[in-house]
PDB file of all heavy atoms in Angstrom:
ATOM      1  N   ARG A   1      66.885-102.752 102.475  1.00  0.00           N
ATOM      2  CA  ARG A   1      67.007-102.388 101.061  1.00  0.00           C
ATOM      3  C   ARG A   1      66.825-103.598 100.149  1.00  0.00           C
ATOM      4  O   ARG A   1      66.113-103.526  99.151  1.00  0.00           O
ATOM      5  CB  ARG A   1      68.357-101.725 100.819  1.00  0.00           C
ATOM      6  CG  ARG A   1      68.485-100.354 101.468  1.00  0.00           C
ATOM      7  CD  ARG A   1      69.916 -99.849 101.453  1.00  0.00           C
ATOM      8  NE  ARG A   1      70.035 -98.602 102.186  1.00  0.00           N
ATOM      9  CZ  ARG A   1      70.123 -98.522 103.512  1.00  0.00           C
ATOM     10  NH1 ARG A   1      70.078 -99.625 104.240  1.00  0.00           N
ATOM     11  NH2 ARG A   1      70.233 -97.355 104.108  1.00  0.00           N
ATOM     12  N   ALA A   2      67.461-104.698 100.503  1.00  0.00           N
ATOM     13  CA  ALA A   2      67.344-105.906  99.686  1.00  0.00           C
ATOM     14  C   ALA A   2      65.922-106.460  99.720  1.00  0.00           C
ATOM     15  O   ALA A   2      65.373-106.856  98.679  1.00  0.00           O
ATOM     16  CB  ALA A   2      68.332-106.969 100.170  1.00  0.00           C
ATOM     17  N   ASP A   3      65.307-106.466 100.886  1.00  0.00           N
ATOM     18  CA  ASP A   3      63.941-106.973 101.011  1.00  0.00           C
ATOM     19  C   ASP A   3      62.972-106.121 100.202  1.00  0.00           C
ATOM     20  O   ASP A   3      62.077-106.639  99.529  1.00  0.00           O
ATOM     21  CB  ASP A   3      63.505-106.987 102.482  1.00  0.00           C
ATOM     22  CG  ASP A   3      64.290-107.972 103.327  1.00  0.00           C
ATOM     23  OD1 ASP A   3      64.999-108.816 102.750  1.00  0.00           O
ATOM     24  OD2 ASP A   3      64.199-107.886 104.573  1.00  0.00           O
ATOM     25  N   ALA A   4      63.147-104.800 100.284  1.00  0.00           N
ATOM     26  CA  ALA A   4      62.252-103.895  99.558  1.00  0.00           C
ATOM     27  C   ALA A   4      62.439-104.035  98.048  1.00  0.00           C
ATOM     28  O   ALA A   4      61.461-104.085  97.297  1.00  0.00           O
ATOM     29  CB  ALA A   4      62.505-102.457  99.994  1.00  0.00           C
ATOM     30  N   ALA A   5      63.683-104.109  97.606  1.00  0.00           N
ATOM     31  CA  ALA A   5      63.948-104.234  96.178  1.00  0.00           C
ATOM     32  C   ALA A   5      63.336-105.506  95.615  1.00  0.00           C
ATOM     33  O   ALA A   5      62.779-105.517  94.509  1.00  0.00           O
ATOM     34  CB  ALA A   5      65.456-104.213  95.930  1.00  0.00           C
ATOM     35  N   ALA A   6      63.409-106.590  96.376  1.00  0.00           N
ATOM     36  CA  ALA A   6      62.837-107.861  95.925  1.00  0.00           C
ATOM     37  C   ALA A   6      61.328-107.772  95.781  1.00  0.00           C
ATOM     38  O   ALA A   6      60.725-108.496  94.977  1.00  0.00           O
ATOM     39  CB  ALA A   6      63.208-108.971  96.908  1.00  0.00           C
ATOM     40  N   ALA A   7      60.698-106.877  96.562  1.00  0.00           N
ATOM     41  CA  ALA A   7      59.246-106.711  96.518  1.00  0.00           C
ATOM     42  C   ALA A   7      58.820-105.600  95.559  1.00  0.00           C
ATOM     43  O   ALA A   7      57.620-105.294  95.465  1.00  0.00           O
ATOM     44  CB  ALA A   7      58.717-106.421  97.924  1.00  0.00           C
ATOM     45  N   GLY A   8      59.771-104.973  94.889  1.00  0.00           N
ATOM     46  CA  GLY A   8      59.441-103.880  93.978  1.00  0.00           C
ATOM     47  C   GLY A   8      59.085-102.599  94.692  1.00  0.00           C
ATOM     48  O   GLY A   8      58.311-101.782  94.175  1.00  0.00           O
ATOM     49  N   ILE A   9      59.667-102.408  95.877  1.00  0.00           N
ATOM     50  CA  ILE A   9      59.361-101.252  96.722  1.00  0.00           C
ATOM     51  C   ILE A   9      60.607-100.372  96.850  1.00  0.00           C
ATOM     52  O   ILE A   9      61.727-100.869  96.964  1.00  0.00           O
ATOM     53  CB  ILE A   9      58.918-101.706  98.136  1.00  0.00           C
ATOM     54  CG1 ILE A   9      57.700-102.626  98.038  1.00  0.00           C
ATOM     55  CG2 ILE A   9      58.651-100.511  99.040  1.00  0.00           C
ATOM     56  CD1 ILE A   9      56.472-101.995  97.438  1.00  0.00           C
ATOM     57  N   ARG A  10      60.424 -99.068  96.861  1.00  0.00           N
ATOM     58  CA  ARG A  10      61.516 -98.141  97.161  1.00  0.00           C
ATOM     59  C   ARG A  10      61.637 -98.013  98.684  1.00  0.00           C
ATOM     60  O   ARG A  10      60.621 -97.993  99.375  1.00  0.00           O
ATOM     61  CB  ARG A  10      61.236 -96.760  96.561  1.00  0.00           C
ATOM     62  CG  ARG A  10      61.189 -96.737  95.032  1.00  0.00           C
ATOM     63  CD  ARG A  10      60.724 -95.378  94.532  1.00  0.00           C
ATOM     64  NE  ARG A  10      59.350 -95.113  94.918  1.00  0.00           N
ATOM     65  CZ  ARG A  10      58.878 -93.913  95.263  1.00  0.00           C
ATOM     66  NH1 ARG A  10      59.701 -92.868  95.329  1.00  0.00           N
ATOM     67  NH2 ARG A  10      57.610 -93.752  95.572  1.00  0.00           N
ATOM     68  N   ALA A  11      62.854 -97.914  99.190  1.00  0.00           N
ATOM     69  CA  ALA A  11      63.042 -97.823 100.636  1.00  0.00           C
ATOM     70  C   ALA A  11      64.241 -96.959 100.964  1.00  0.00           C
ATOM     71  O   ALA A  11      65.240 -96.957 100.232  1.00  0.00           O
ATOM     72  CB  ALA A  11      63.218 -99.216 101.250  1.00  0.00           C
ATOM     73  N   THR A  12      64.138 -96.217 102.060  1.00  0.00           N
ATOM     74  CA  THR A  12      65.249 -95.378 102.504  1.00  0.00           C
ATOM     75  C   THR A  12      65.221 -95.229 104.013  1.00  0.00           C
ATOM     76  O   THR A  12      64.157 -95.235 104.633  1.00  0.00           O
ATOM     77  CB  THR A  12      65.188 -93.980 101.852  1.00  0.00           C
ATOM     78  OG1 THR A  12      66.291 -93.186 102.321  1.00  0.00           O
ATOM     79  CG2 THR A  12      63.894 -93.257 102.212  1.00  0.00           C
ATOM     80  N   ASP A  13      66.404 -95.095 104.601  1.00  0.00           N
ATOM     81  CA  ASP A  13      66.509 -94.678 105.995  1.00  0.00           C
ATOM     82  C   ASP A  13      66.264 -93.182 106.069  1.00  0.00           C
ATOM     83  O   ASP A  13      66.205 -92.491 105.036  1.00  0.00           O
ATOM     84  CB  ASP A  13      67.921 -94.959 106.542  1.00  0.00           C
ATOM     85  CG  ASP A  13      68.170 -96.443 106.751  1.00  0.00           C
ATOM     86  OD1 ASP A  13      67.228 -97.157 107.140  1.00  0.00           O
ATOM     87  OD2 ASP A  13      69.308 -96.874 106.528  1.00  0.00           O
ATOM     88  N   TYR A  14      66.166 -92.678 107.300  1.00  0.00           N
ATOM     89  CA  TYR A  14      66.117 -91.222 107.478  1.00  0.00           C
ATOM     90  C   TYR A  14      66.883 -90.853 108.735  1.00  0.00           C
ATOM     91  O   TYR A  14      66.729 -91.490 109.783  1.00  0.00           O
ATOM     92  CB  TYR A  14      64.676 -90.696 107.600  1.00  0.00           C
ATOM     93  CG  TYR A  14      64.680 -89.183 107.722  1.00  0.00           C
ATOM     94  CD1 TYR A  14      64.863 -88.396 106.597  1.00  0.00           C
ATOM     95  CD2 TYR A  14      64.579 -88.563 108.971  1.00  0.00           C
ATOM     96  CE1 TYR A  14      64.935 -87.018 106.698  1.00  0.00           C
ATOM     97  CE2 TYR A  14      64.647 -87.183 109.073  1.00  0.00           C
ATOM     98  CZ  TYR A  14      64.826 -86.413 107.937  1.00  0.00           C
ATOM     99  OH  TYR A  14      64.919 -85.058 108.047  1.00  0.00           O
ATOM    100  N   LYS A  15      67.733 -89.818 108.635  1.00  0.00           N
ATOM    101  CA  LYS A  15      68.486 -89.300 109.767  1.00  0.00           C
ATOM    102  C   LYS A  15      68.208 -87.808 109.885  1.00  0.00           C
ATOM    103  O   LYS A  15      68.373 -87.056 108.924  1.00  0.00           O
ATOM    104  CB  LYS A  15      69.994 -89.532 109.578  1.00  0.00           C
ATOM    105  CG  LYS A  15      70.391 -91.002 109.416  1.00  0.00           C
ATOM    106  CD  LYS A  15      70.173 -91.794 110.685  1.00  0.00           C
ATOM    107  CE  LYS A  15      70.761 -93.199 110.580  1.00  0.00           C
ATOM    108  NZ  LYS A  15      70.062 -94.048 109.577  1.00  0.00           N
ATOM    109  N   VAL A  16      67.818 -87.365 111.074  1.00  0.00           N
ATOM    110  CA  VAL A  16      67.460 -85.969 111.285  1.00  0.00           C
ATOM    111  C   VAL A  16      68.699 -85.122 111.534  1.00  0.00           C
ATOM    112  O   VAL A  16      69.713 -85.612 112.042  1.00  0.00           O
ATOM    113  CB  VAL A  16      66.480 -85.835 112.473  1.00  0.00           C
ATOM    114  CG1 VAL A  16      67.163 -86.157 113.795  1.00  0.00           C
ATOM    115  CG2 VAL A  16      65.847 -84.445 112.507  1.00  0.00           C
ATOM    116  N   ALA A  17      68.616 -83.844 111.166  1.00  0.00           N
ATOM    117  CA  ALA A  17      69.690 -82.890 111.420  1.00  0.00           C
ATOM    118  C   ALA A  17      69.105 -81.627 112.055  1.00  0.00           C
ATOM    119  O   ALA A  17      67.947 -81.261 111.760  1.00  0.00           O
ATOM    120  CB  ALA A  17      70.394 -82.525 110.121  1.00  0.00           C
ATOM    121  N   PRO A  18      69.853 -80.946 112.917  1.00  0.00           N
ATOM    122  CA  PRO A  18      69.381 -79.669 113.448  1.00  0.00           C
ATOM    123  C   PRO A  18      69.107 -78.701 112.303  1.00  0.00           C
ATOM    124  O   PRO A  18      69.946 -78.558 111.402  1.00  0.00           O
ATOM    125  CB  PRO A  18      70.555 -79.189 114.322  1.00  0.00           C
ATOM    126  CG  PRO A  18      71.300 -80.430 114.673  1.00  0.00           C
ATOM    127  CD  PRO A  18      71.180 -81.317 113.469  1.00  0.00           C
ATOM    128  N   ASP A  19      67.959 -78.048 112.306  1.00  0.00           N
ATOM    129  CA  ASP A  19      67.561 -77.208 111.172  1.00  0.00           C
ATOM    130  C   ASP A  19      66.621 -76.118 111.678  1.00  0.00           C
ATOM    131  O   ASP A  19      65.409 -76.299 111.743  1.00  0.00           O
ATOM    132  CB  ASP A  19      66.885 -78.075 110.108  1.00  0.00           C
ATOM    133  CG  ASP A  19      66.474 -77.303 108.869  1.00  0.00           C
ATOM    134  OD1 ASP A  19      66.609 -76.060 108.859  1.00  0.00           O
ATOM    135  OD2 ASP A  19      66.010 -77.931 107.909  1.00  0.00           O
ATOM    136  N   GLY A  20      67.202 -74.981 112.008  1.00  0.00           N
ATOM    137  CA  GLY A  20      66.397 -73.886 112.548  1.00  0.00           C
ATOM    138  C   GLY A  20      65.386 -73.342 111.558  1.00  0.00           C
ATOM    139  O   GLY A  20      64.296 -72.901 111.955  1.00  0.00           O
ATOM    140  N   ALA A  21      65.703 -73.349 110.261  1.00  0.00           N
ATOM    141  CA  ALA A  21      64.779 -72.806 109.260  1.00  0.00           C
ATOM    142  C   ALA A  21      63.503 -73.637 109.177  1.00  0.00           C
ATOM    143  O   ALA A  21      62.387 -73.096 109.149  1.00  0.00           O
ATOM    144  CB  ALA A  21      65.465 -72.744 107.897  1.00  0.00           C
ATOM    145  N   THR A  22      63.644 -74.971 109.132  1.00  0.00           N
ATOM    146  CA  THR A  22      62.453 -75.829 109.116  1.00  0.00           C
ATOM    147  C   THR A  22      61.723 -75.763 110.440  1.00  0.00           C
ATOM    148  O   THR A  22      60.483 -75.764 110.484  1.00  0.00           O
ATOM    149  CB  THR A  22      62.845 -77.279 108.795  1.00  0.00           C
ATOM    150  OG1 THR A  22      63.479 -77.323 107.516  1.00  0.00           O
ATOM    151  CG2 THR A  22      61.632 -78.188 108.787  1.00  0.00           C
ATOM    152  N   LEU A  23      62.473 -75.691 111.533  1.00  0.00           N
ATOM    153  CA  LEU A  23      61.835 -75.585 112.849  1.00  0.00           C
ATOM    154  C   LEU A  23      61.011 -74.305 112.948  1.00  0.00           C
ATOM    155  O   LEU A  23      59.974 -74.283 113.627  1.00  0.00           O
ATOM    156  CB  LEU A  23      62.895 -75.640 113.945  1.00  0.00           C
ATOM    157  CG  LEU A  23      62.393 -75.826 115.380  1.00  0.00           C
ATOM    158  CD1 LEU A  23      61.552 -77.090 115.521  1.00  0.00           C
ATOM    159  CD2 LEU A  23      63.563 -75.848 116.360  1.00  0.00           C
ATOM    160  N   ALA A  24      61.425 -73.252 112.261  1.00  0.00           N
ATOM    161  CA  ALA A  24      60.652 -72.006 112.261  1.00  0.00           C
ATOM    162  C   ALA A  24      59.305 -72.201 111.565  1.00  0.00           C
ATOM    163  O   ALA A  24      58.286 -71.628 111.986  1.00  0.00           O
ATOM    164  CB  ALA A  24      61.448 -70.897 111.568  1.00  0.00           C
ATOM    165  N   ILE A  25      59.276 -73.006 110.495  1.00  0.00           N
ATOM    166  CA  ILE A  25      58.004 -73.319 109.828  1.00  0.00           C
ATOM    167  C   ILE A  25      57.105 -74.110 110.773  1.00  0.00           C
ATOM    168  O   ILE A  25      55.906 -73.824 110.905  1.00  0.00           O
ATOM    169  CB  ILE A  25      58.263 -74.127 108.541  1.00  0.00           C
ATOM    170  CG1 ILE A  25      59.072 -73.306 107.541  1.00  0.00           C
ATOM    171  CG2 ILE A  25      56.945 -74.594 107.923  1.00  0.00           C
ATOM    172  CD1 ILE A  25      59.546 -74.103 106.342  1.00  0.00           C
ATOM    173  N   ILE A  26      57.688 -75.099 111.447  1.00  0.00           N
ATOM    174  CA  ILE A  26      56.926 -75.900 112.406  1.00  0.00           C
ATOM    175  C   ILE A  26      56.406 -75.022 113.535  1.00  0.00           C
ATOM    176  O   ILE A  26      55.271 -75.193 114.005  1.00  0.00           O
ATOM    177  CB  ILE A  26      57.805 -77.047 112.945  1.00  0.00           C
ATOM    178  CG1 ILE A  26      58.128 -78.026 111.810  1.00  0.00           C
ATOM    179  CG2 ILE A  26      57.125 -77.773 114.097  1.00  0.00           C
ATOM    180  CD1 ILE A  26      59.188 -79.049 112.153  1.00  0.00           C
ATOM    181  N   ALA A  27      57.223 -74.046 113.956  1.00  0.00           N
ATOM    182  CA  ALA A  27      56.803 -73.128 115.020  1.00  0.00           C
ATOM    183  C   ALA A  27      55.552 -72.356 114.619  1.00  0.00           C
ATOM    184  O   ALA A  27      54.648 -72.135 115.442  1.00  0.00           O
ATOM    185  CB  ALA A  27      57.938 -72.158 115.359  1.00  0.00           C
ATOM    186  N   ARG A  28      55.476 -71.958 113.350  1.00  0.00           N
ATOM    187  CA  ARG A  28      54.282 -71.233 112.888  1.00  0.00           C
ATOM    188  C   ARG A  28      53.049 -72.128 112.895  1.00  0.00           C
ATOM    189  O   ARG A  28      51.935 -71.666 113.204  1.00  0.00           O
ATOM    190  CB  ARG A  28      54.532 -70.652 111.494  1.00  0.00           C
ATOM    191  CG  ARG A  28      55.531 -69.510 111.484  1.00  0.00           C
ATOM    192  CD  ARG A  28      55.484 -68.716 110.199  1.00  0.00           C
ATOM    193  NE  ARG A  28      55.997 -69.455 109.053  1.00  0.00           N
ATOM    194  CZ  ARG A  28      57.282 -69.489 108.693  1.00  0.00           C
ATOM    195  NH1 ARG A  28      58.187 -68.845 109.412  1.00  0.00           N
ATOM    196  NH2 ARG A  28      57.660 -70.149 107.627  1.00  0.00           N
ATOM    197  N   LEU A  29      53.230 -73.402 112.563  1.00  0.00           N
ATOM    198  CA  LEU A  29      52.103 -74.340 112.600  1.00  0.00           C
ATOM    199  C   LEU A  29      51.648 -74.590 114.042  1.00  0.00           C
ATOM    200  O   LEU A  29      50.455 -74.759 114.303  1.00  0.00           O
ATOM    201  CB  LEU A  29      52.490 -75.659 111.932  1.00  0.00           C
ATOM    202  CG  LEU A  29      52.731 -75.606 110.424  1.00  0.00           C
ATOM    203  CD1 LEU A  29      53.229 -76.947 109.916  1.00  0.00           C
ATOM    204  CD2 LEU A  29      51.458 -75.202 109.692  1.00  0.00           C
ATOM    205  N   LEU A  30      52.596 -74.619 114.956  1.00  0.00           N
ATOM    206  CA  LEU A  30      52.250 -74.760 116.377  1.00  0.00           C
ATOM    207  C   LEU A  30      51.526 -73.508 116.864  1.00  0.00           C
ATOM    208  O   LEU A  30      50.548 -73.590 117.617  1.00  0.00           O
ATOM    209  CB  LEU A  30      53.516 -74.987 117.205  1.00  0.00           C
ATOM    210  CG  LEU A  30      54.185 -76.358 117.052  1.00  0.00           C
ATOM    211  CD1 LEU A  30      55.633 -76.297 117.529  1.00  0.00           C
ATOM    212  CD2 LEU A  30      53.415 -77.417 117.846  1.00  0.00           C
ATOM    213  N   GLU A  31      52.004 -72.349 116.441  1.00  0.00           N
ATOM    214  CA  GLU A  31      51.404 -71.085 116.866  1.00  0.00           C
ATOM    215  C   GLU A  31      49.972 -70.944 116.348  1.00  0.00           C
ATOM    216  O   GLU A  31      49.087 -70.434 117.046  1.00  0.00           O
ATOM    217  CB  GLU A  31      52.251 -69.922 116.357  1.00  0.00           C
ATOM    218  CG  GLU A  31      52.020 -68.601 117.066  1.00  0.00           C
ATOM    219  CD  GLU A  31      52.559 -68.575 118.487  1.00  0.00           C
ATOM    220  OE1 GLU A  31      53.723 -68.242 118.690  1.00  0.00           O
ATOM    221  OE2 GLU A  31      51.760 -68.909 119.405  1.00  0.00           O
ATOM    222  N   SER A  32      49.733 -71.428 115.136  1.00  0.00           N
ATOM    223  CA  SER A  32      48.393 -71.327 114.549  1.00  0.00           C
ATOM    224  C   SER A  32      47.431 -72.374 115.090  1.00  0.00           C
ATOM    225  O   SER A  32      46.223 -72.281 114.882  1.00  0.00           O
ATOM    226  CB  SER A  32      48.485 -71.470 113.024  1.00  0.00           C
ATOM    227  OG  SER A  32      48.882 -72.787 112.667  1.00  0.00           O
ATOM    228  N   GLY A  33      47.981 -73.400 115.753  1.00  0.00           N
ATOM    229  CA  GLY A  33      47.135 -74.467 116.277  1.00  0.00           C
ATOM    230  C   GLY A  33      46.902 -75.603 115.297  1.00  0.00           C
ATOM    231  O   GLY A  33      46.181 -76.557 115.615  1.00  0.00           O
ATOM    232  N   ASP A  34      47.511 -75.526 114.115  1.00  0.00           N
ATOM    233  CA  ASP A  34      47.353 -76.607 113.141  1.00  0.00           C
ATOM    234  C   ASP A  34      48.068 -77.877 113.602  1.00  0.00           C
ATOM    235  O   ASP A  34      47.692 -78.981 113.220  1.00  0.00           O
ATOM    236  CB  ASP A  34      47.901 -76.171 111.774  1.00  0.00           C
ATOM    237  CG  ASP A  34      47.030 -75.119 111.114  1.00  0.00           C
ATOM    238  OD1 ASP A  34      45.839 -75.413 110.888  1.00  0.00           O
ATOM    239  OD2 ASP A  34      47.524 -74.023 110.837  1.00  0.00           O
ATOM    240  N   ILE A  35      49.126 -77.703 114.389  1.00  0.00           N
ATOM    241  CA  ILE A  35      49.900 -78.811 114.945  1.00  0.00           C
ATOM    242  C   ILE A  35      50.019 -78.585 116.445  1.00  0.00           C
ATOM    243  O   ILE A  35      50.107 -77.452 116.898  1.00  0.00           O
ATOM    244  CB  ILE A  35      51.316 -78.868 114.311  1.00  0.00           C
ATOM    245  CG1 ILE A  35      51.230 -79.027 112.806  1.00  0.00           C
ATOM    246  CG2 ILE A  35      52.154 -79.991 114.939  1.00  0.00           C
ATOM    247  CD1 ILE A  35      50.614 -80.314 112.326  1.00  0.00           C
ATOM    248  N   ARG A  36      50.027 -79.659 117.209  1.00  0.00           N
ATOM    249  CA  ARG A  36      50.223 -79.520 118.654  1.00  0.00           C
ATOM    250  C   ARG A  36      51.176 -80.588 119.158  1.00  0.00           C
ATOM    251  O   ARG A  36      51.305 -81.649 118.567  1.00  0.00           O
ATOM    252  CB  ARG A  36      48.895 -79.607 119.408  1.00  0.00           C
ATOM    253  CG  ARG A  36      48.082 -80.867 119.166  1.00  0.00           C
ATOM    254  CD  ARG A  36      46.671 -80.713 119.730  1.00  0.00           C
ATOM    255  NE  ARG A  36      45.790 -81.812 119.371  1.00  0.00           N
ATOM    256  CZ  ARG A  36      45.518 -82.841 120.162  1.00  0.00           C
ATOM    257  NH1 ARG A  36      46.080 -82.919 121.364  1.00  0.00           N
ATOM    258  NH2 ARG A  36      44.680 -83.790 119.771  1.00  0.00           N
ATOM    259  N   VAL A  37      51.851 -80.255 120.255  1.00  0.00           N
ATOM    260  CA  VAL A  37      52.735 -81.215 120.893  1.00  0.00           C
ATOM    261  C   VAL A  37      52.036 -81.764 122.128  1.00  0.00           C
ATOM    262  O   VAL A  37      51.366 -81.025 122.857  1.00  0.00           O
ATOM    263  CB  VAL A  37      54.087 -80.560 121.287  1.00  0.00           C
ATOM    264  CG1 VAL A  37      53.896 -79.366 122.210  1.00  0.00           C
ATOM    265  CG2 VAL A  37      55.022 -81.590 121.923  1.00  0.00           C
ATOM    266  N   HIS A  38      52.167 -83.064 122.341  1.00  0.00           N
ATOM    267  CA  HIS A  38      51.565 -83.683 123.530  1.00  0.00           C
ATOM    268  C   HIS A  38      52.678 -84.157 124.445  1.00  0.00           C
ATOM    269  O   HIS A  38      53.586 -84.877 124.028  1.00  0.00           O
ATOM    270  CB  HIS A  38      50.696 -84.874 123.142  1.00  0.00           C
ATOM    271  CG  HIS A  38      50.087 -85.565 124.331  1.00  0.00           C
ATOM    272  ND1 HIS A  38      48.936 -85.121 124.928  1.00  0.00           N
ATOM    273  CD2 HIS A  38      50.497 -86.638 125.046  1.00  0.00           C
ATOM    274  CE1 HIS A  38      48.650 -85.905 125.950  1.00  0.00           C
ATOM    275  NE2 HIS A  38      49.584 -86.832 126.041  1.00  0.00           N
ATOM    276  N   LEU A  39      52.611 -83.740 125.714  1.00  0.00           N
ATOM    277  CA  LEU A  39      53.577 -84.173 126.719  1.00  0.00           C
ATOM    278  C   LEU A  39      52.973 -85.294 127.548  1.00  0.00           C
ATOM    279  O   LEU A  39      51.901 -85.138 128.123  1.00  0.00           O
ATOM    280  CB  LEU A  39      53.977 -83.011 127.630  1.00  0.00           C
ATOM    281  CG  LEU A  39      54.620 -81.796 126.961  1.00  0.00           C
ATOM    282  CD1 LEU A  39      55.092 -80.809 128.018  1.00  0.00           C
ATOM    283  CD2 LEU A  39      55.764 -82.206 126.042  1.00  0.00           C
ATOM    284  N   ASP A  40      53.672 -86.409 127.601  1.00  0.00           N
ATOM    285  CA  ASP A  40      53.236 -87.537 128.415  1.00  0.00           C
ATOM    286  C   ASP A  40      53.580 -87.305 129.877  1.00  0.00           C
ATOM    287  O   ASP A  40      52.782 -87.609 130.769  1.00  0.00           O
ATOM    288  CB  ASP A  40      53.888 -88.820 127.918  1.00  0.00           C
ATOM    289  CG  ASP A  40      53.368 -90.050 128.632  1.00  0.00           C
ATOM    290  OD1 ASP A  40      53.892 -90.375 129.710  1.00  0.00           O
ATOM    291  OD2 ASP A  40      52.434 -90.685 128.119  1.00  0.00           O
ATOM    292  N   ASP A  41      54.780 -86.753 130.131  1.00  0.00           N
ATOM    293  CA  ASP A  41      55.206 -86.543 131.514  1.00  0.00           C
ATOM    294  C   ASP A  41      56.334 -85.527 131.544  1.00  0.00           C
ATOM    295  O   ASP A  41      57.045 -85.322 130.551  1.00  0.00           O
ATOM    296  CB  ASP A  41      55.671 -87.851 132.145  1.00  0.00           C
ATOM    297  CG  ASP A  41      55.443 -87.902 133.654  1.00  0.00           C
ATOM    298  OD1 ASP A  41      55.216 -86.831 134.255  1.00  0.00           O
ATOM    299  OD2 ASP A  41      55.499 -88.996 134.218  1.00  0.00           O
ATOM    300  N   VAL A  42      56.504 -84.889 132.693  1.00  0.00           N
ATOM    301  CA  VAL A  42      57.572 -83.908 132.913  1.00  0.00           C
ATOM    302  C   VAL A  42      58.305 -84.273 134.196  1.00  0.00           C
ATOM    303  O   VAL A  42      57.677 -84.513 135.234  1.00  0.00           O
ATOM    304  CB  VAL A  42      57.004 -82.471 133.015  1.00  0.00           C
ATOM    305  CG1 VAL A  42      58.138 -81.470 133.252  1.00  0.00           C
ATOM    306  CG2 VAL A  42      56.227 -82.106 131.759  1.00  0.00           C
ATOM    307  N   PHE A  43      59.641 -84.319 134.117  1.00  0.00           N
ATOM    308  CA  PHE A  43      60.488 -84.620 135.268  1.00  0.00           C
ATOM    309  C   PHE A  43      61.440 -83.454 135.508  1.00  0.00           C
ATOM    310  O   PHE A  43      61.779 -82.726 134.574  1.00  0.00           O
ATOM    311  CB  PHE A  43      61.318 -85.884 135.017  1.00  0.00           C
ATOM    312  CG  PHE A  43      60.531 -87.155 134.889  1.00  0.00           C
ATOM    313  CD1 PHE A  43      59.911 -87.497 133.694  1.00  0.00           C
ATOM    314  CD2 PHE A  43      60.415 -88.024 135.969  1.00  0.00           C
ATOM    315  CE1 PHE A  43      59.191 -88.674 133.569  1.00  0.00           C
ATOM    316  CE2 PHE A  43      59.698 -89.208 135.854  1.00  0.00           C
ATOM    317  CZ  PHE A  43      59.084 -89.534 134.651  1.00  0.00           C
ATOM    318  N   ASP A  44      61.891 -83.275 136.735  1.00  0.00           N
ATOM    319  CA  ASP A  44      62.947 -82.310 137.005  1.00  0.00           C
ATOM    320  C   ASP A  44      64.261 -82.853 136.467  1.00  0.00           C
ATOM    321  O   ASP A  44      64.430 -84.073 136.291  1.00  0.00           O
ATOM    322  CB  ASP A  44      63.061 -82.040 138.503  1.00  0.00           C
ATOM    323  CG  ASP A  44      61.877 -81.229 139.044  1.00  0.00           C
ATOM    324  OD1 ASP A  44      61.292 -80.462 138.256  1.00  0.00           O
ATOM    325  OD2 ASP A  44      61.560 -81.381 140.235  1.00  0.00           O
ATOM    326  N   LEU A  45      65.222 -81.962 136.222  1.00  0.00           N
ATOM    327  CA  LEU A  45      66.503 -82.364 135.652  1.00  0.00           C
ATOM    328  C   LEU A  45      67.146 -83.499 136.441  1.00  0.00           C
ATOM    329  O   LEU A  45      67.658 -84.468 135.858  1.00  0.00           O
ATOM    330  CB  LEU A  45      67.454 -81.160 135.598  1.00  0.00           C
ATOM    331  CG  LEU A  45      68.869 -81.431 135.068  1.00  0.00           C
ATOM    332  CD1 LEU A  45      68.825 -81.909 133.619  1.00  0.00           C
ATOM    333  CD2 LEU A  45      69.732 -80.172 135.199  1.00  0.00           C
TER     334      LEU A  45
END
């Protein structure tokens, strides 16, 4: 924050929260193919 303010820049952290309503919007974008998820690897539990 101090570094950004000295440079005349706005700055903020971000913390995610569980949000089913927004996830539903993302689900529609995944369903339409506009967005895709890429899996690097899959392991058993």
